[in-house]
Amino acid sequence: MSERVLYQSSNGDAWLLTRDPVSKMPAVKHDPNVSSGGQISYTDIGKFLRDGANGPEHQALLNLIGTLIDD
């Protein structure tokens, strides 16, 4: 698996769990819709969560991480 969709908004923006193409470290890829500029960006997972953990895309990543831990 090279990418996993975390969240896709109703306006077409998508956030994916992937690897940064330069550093090869895990990252969140933001693929905005064309009307938002369409410029793909990559953010380190820690920075992504620190910069705004209240959005649905942030909650989706936290939920995914939570599935990795046994109850």
N, C-alpha and C. Protein backbone atom coordinates (compact mmCIF):
# COMPACT_ATOMS: atom_id res chain seq x y z
N MET A 1 0.85 -1.17 0.00
CA MET A 1 0.00 0.00 0.00
C MET A 1 0.90 1.24 0.00
N SER A 2 0.71 2.12 -0.96
CA SER A 2 1.53 3.32 -1.02
C SER A 2 0.81 4.54 -0.43
N GLU A 3 -0.51 4.53 -0.44
CA GLU A 3 -1.29 5.62 0.14
C GLU A 3 -2.59 5.07 0.72
N ARG A 4 -3.08 5.74 1.74
CA ARG A 4 -4.37 5.37 2.32
C ARG A 4 -5.16 6.64 2.55
N VAL A 5 -6.36 6.70 2.01
CA VAL A 5 -7.21 7.88 2.17
C VAL A 5 -7.62 7.97 3.63
N LEU A 6 -7.35 9.13 4.23
CA LEU A 6 -7.79 9.40 5.60
C LEU A 6 -9.16 10.04 5.60
N TYR A 7 -9.31 11.04 4.72
CA TYR A 7 -10.56 11.80 4.70
C TYR A 7 -10.69 12.49 3.36
N GLN A 8 -11.91 12.54 2.85
CA GLN A 8 -12.21 13.29 1.64
C GLN A 8 -13.40 14.19 1.93
N SER A 9 -13.20 15.49 1.74
CA SER A 9 -14.26 16.45 2.04
C SER A 9 -15.28 16.51 0.91
N SER A 10 -16.41 17.11 1.20
CA SER A 10 -17.47 17.23 0.21
C SER A 10 -17.07 18.13 -0.96
N ASN A 11 -16.06 19.00 -0.76
CA ASN A 11 -15.63 19.87 -1.86
C ASN A 11 -14.53 19.25 -2.72
N GLY A 12 -14.12 18.01 -2.38
CA GLY A 12 -13.14 17.31 -3.20
C GLY A 12 -11.72 17.29 -2.67
N ASP A 13 -11.44 18.03 -1.59
CA ASP A 13 -10.12 17.94 -0.98
C ASP A 13 -9.95 16.55 -0.38
N ALA A 14 -8.72 16.02 -0.43
CA ALA A 14 -8.45 14.71 0.14
C ALA A 14 -7.16 14.76 0.94
N TRP A 15 -7.14 14.01 2.05
CA TRP A 15 -5.96 13.84 2.88
C TRP A 15 -5.63 12.36 2.90
N LEU A 16 -4.37 12.04 2.63
CA LEU A 16 -3.95 10.65 2.52
C LEU A 16 -2.74 10.40 3.40
N LEU A 17 -2.66 9.22 3.98
CA LEU A 17 -1.47 8.78 4.69
C LEU A 17 -0.55 8.15 3.67
N THR A 18 0.67 8.65 3.58
CA THR A 18 1.61 8.19 2.55
C THR A 18 3.03 8.43 3.04
N ARG A 19 3.98 8.43 2.14
CA ARG A 19 5.37 8.79 2.45
C ARG A 19 5.73 10.05 1.68
N ASP A 20 6.46 10.92 2.32
CA ASP A 20 6.97 12.11 1.66
C ASP A 20 7.91 11.65 0.54
N PRO A 21 7.73 12.15 -0.68
CA PRO A 21 8.55 11.67 -1.79
C PRO A 21 10.03 12.02 -1.66
N VAL A 22 10.37 13.02 -0.87
CA VAL A 22 11.77 13.42 -0.70
C VAL A 22 12.41 12.68 0.48
N SER A 23 11.79 12.79 1.67
CA SER A 23 12.39 12.21 2.88
C SER A 23 12.08 10.72 3.04
N LYS A 24 11.02 10.26 2.37
CA LYS A 24 10.53 8.87 2.48
C LYS A 24 9.94 8.56 3.86
N MET A 25 9.76 9.59 4.70
CA MET A 25 9.16 9.42 6.02
C MET A 25 7.64 9.45 5.89
N PRO A 26 6.92 8.79 6.83
CA PRO A 26 5.45 8.86 6.80
C PRO A 26 4.98 10.31 6.86
N ALA A 27 3.96 10.60 6.08
CA ALA A 27 3.45 11.97 5.99
C ALA A 27 1.98 11.96 5.62
N VAL A 28 1.36 13.12 5.79
CA VAL A 28 -0.01 13.33 5.33
C VAL A 28 0.07 14.14 4.05
N LYS A 29 -0.53 13.62 3.01
CA LYS A 29 -0.58 14.29 1.71
C LYS A 29 -1.93 14.99 1.59
N HIS A 30 -1.90 16.30 1.30
CA HIS A 30 -3.14 17.04 1.06
C HIS A 30 -3.25 17.25 -0.44
N ASP A 31 -4.33 16.73 -1.00
CA ASP A 31 -4.60 16.84 -2.43
C ASP A 31 -5.84 17.72 -2.58
N PRO A 32 -5.65 19.05 -2.70
CA PRO A 32 -6.79 19.96 -2.76
C PRO A 32 -7.50 19.92 -4.10
N ASN A 33 -8.75 20.33 -4.10
CA ASN A 33 -9.49 20.40 -5.35
C ASN A 33 -8.94 21.52 -6.22
N VAL A 34 -9.31 21.53 -7.47
CA VAL A 34 -8.78 22.49 -8.43
C VAL A 34 -9.09 23.92 -8.03
N SER A 35 -10.30 24.18 -7.52
CA SER A 35 -10.67 25.55 -7.15
C SER A 35 -9.90 26.06 -5.94
N SER A 36 -9.30 25.15 -5.16
CA SER A 36 -8.46 25.55 -4.03
C SER A 36 -7.01 25.75 -4.45
N GLY A 37 -6.72 25.59 -5.70
CA GLY A 37 -5.36 25.77 -6.19
C GLY A 37 -4.74 24.48 -6.70
N GLY A 38 -5.23 23.34 -6.20
CA GLY A 38 -4.78 22.06 -6.69
C GLY A 38 -3.33 21.70 -6.42
N GLN A 39 -2.65 22.44 -5.53
CA GLN A 39 -1.24 22.19 -5.24
C GLN A 39 -1.09 21.15 -4.13
N ILE A 40 -0.59 19.96 -4.46
CA ILE A 40 -0.40 18.89 -3.48
C ILE A 40 0.71 19.27 -2.51
N SER A 41 0.48 18.97 -1.22
CA SER A 41 1.51 19.23 -0.21
C SER A 41 1.64 18.01 0.70
N TYR A 42 2.81 17.91 1.32
CA TYR A 42 3.11 16.82 2.26
C TYR A 42 3.49 17.43 3.60
N THR A 43 2.94 16.87 4.69
CA THR A 43 3.22 17.37 6.02
C THR A 43 3.59 16.21 6.92
N ASP A 44 4.66 16.39 7.69
CA ASP A 44 5.05 15.43 8.71
C ASP A 44 3.85 15.15 9.62
N ILE A 45 3.67 13.91 10.01
CA ILE A 45 2.51 13.52 10.81
C ILE A 45 2.42 14.31 12.11
N GLY A 46 3.53 14.46 12.82
CA GLY A 46 3.52 15.21 14.07
C GLY A 46 3.10 16.66 13.87
N LYS A 47 3.65 17.31 12.86
CA LYS A 47 3.29 18.70 12.56
C LYS A 47 1.82 18.79 12.17
N PHE A 48 1.37 17.85 11.37
CA PHE A 48 -0.03 17.84 10.94
C PHE A 48 -0.96 17.81 12.15
N LEU A 49 -0.66 16.96 13.12
CA LEU A 49 -1.52 16.85 14.30
C LEU A 49 -1.37 18.06 15.22
N ARG A 50 -0.18 18.60 15.35
CA ARG A 50 0.02 19.77 16.20
C ARG A 50 -0.66 21.01 15.65
N ASP A 51 -0.70 21.15 14.33
CA ASP A 51 -1.20 22.37 13.71
C ASP A 51 -2.71 22.49 13.64
N GLY A 52 -3.45 21.47 14.03
CA GLY A 52 -4.90 21.62 13.96
C GLY A 52 -5.65 20.33 14.13
N ALA A 53 -5.51 19.71 15.26
CA ALA A 53 -6.10 18.38 15.47
C ALA A 53 -7.61 18.39 15.63
N ASN A 54 -8.27 19.48 15.31
CA ASN A 54 -9.73 19.53 15.47
C ASN A 54 -10.50 19.24 14.19
N GLY A 55 -9.83 19.22 13.06
CA GLY A 55 -10.52 18.98 11.80
C GLY A 55 -10.85 17.51 11.60
N PRO A 56 -11.81 17.20 10.74
CA PRO A 56 -12.17 15.81 10.51
C PRO A 56 -11.02 14.98 9.93
N GLU A 57 -10.13 15.62 9.17
CA GLU A 57 -8.98 14.90 8.63
C GLU A 57 -8.00 14.52 9.74
N HIS A 58 -7.90 15.37 10.75
CA HIS A 58 -7.03 15.07 11.90
C HIS A 58 -7.64 13.95 12.75
N GLN A 59 -8.93 14.03 12.96
CA GLN A 59 -9.62 12.99 13.73
C GLN A 59 -9.52 11.64 13.02
N ALA A 60 -9.59 11.64 11.70
CA ALA A 60 -9.48 10.39 10.94
C ALA A 60 -8.10 9.76 11.14
N LEU A 61 -7.05 10.58 11.16
CA LEU A 61 -5.71 10.04 11.40
C LEU A 61 -5.59 9.50 12.82
N LEU A 62 -6.11 10.23 13.79
CA LEU A 62 -6.07 9.75 15.18
C LEU A 62 -6.86 8.44 15.33
N ASN A 63 -8.00 8.33 14.67
CA ASN A 63 -8.77 7.09 14.71
C ASN A 63 -7.99 5.93 14.10
N LEU A 64 -7.31 6.18 12.98
CA LEU A 64 -6.50 5.15 12.35
C LEU A 64 -5.38 4.70 13.29
N ILE A 65 -4.70 5.64 13.91
CA ILE A 65 -3.65 5.30 14.86
C ILE A 65 -4.22 4.48 16.02
N GLY A 66 -5.41 4.83 16.48
CA GLY A 66 -6.07 4.10 17.56
C GLY A 66 -6.35 2.66 17.23
N THR A 67 -6.54 2.34 15.95
CA THR A 67 -6.81 0.94 15.57
C THR A 67 -5.57 0.07 15.70
N LEU A 68 -4.41 0.68 15.85
CA LEU A 68 -3.16 -0.06 15.95
C LEU A 68 -2.88 -0.54 17.38
N ILE A 69 -3.70 -0.08 18.32
CA ILE A 69 -3.50 -0.40 19.73
C ILE A 69 -4.62 -1.33 20.19
N ASP A 70 -4.24 -2.42 20.86
CA ASP A 70 -5.22 -3.34 21.41
C ASP A 70 -6.01 -2.68 22.53
N ASP A 71 -7.27 -3.07 22.66
CA ASP A 71 -8.11 -2.56 23.77
C ASP A 71 -7.68 -3.16 25.08
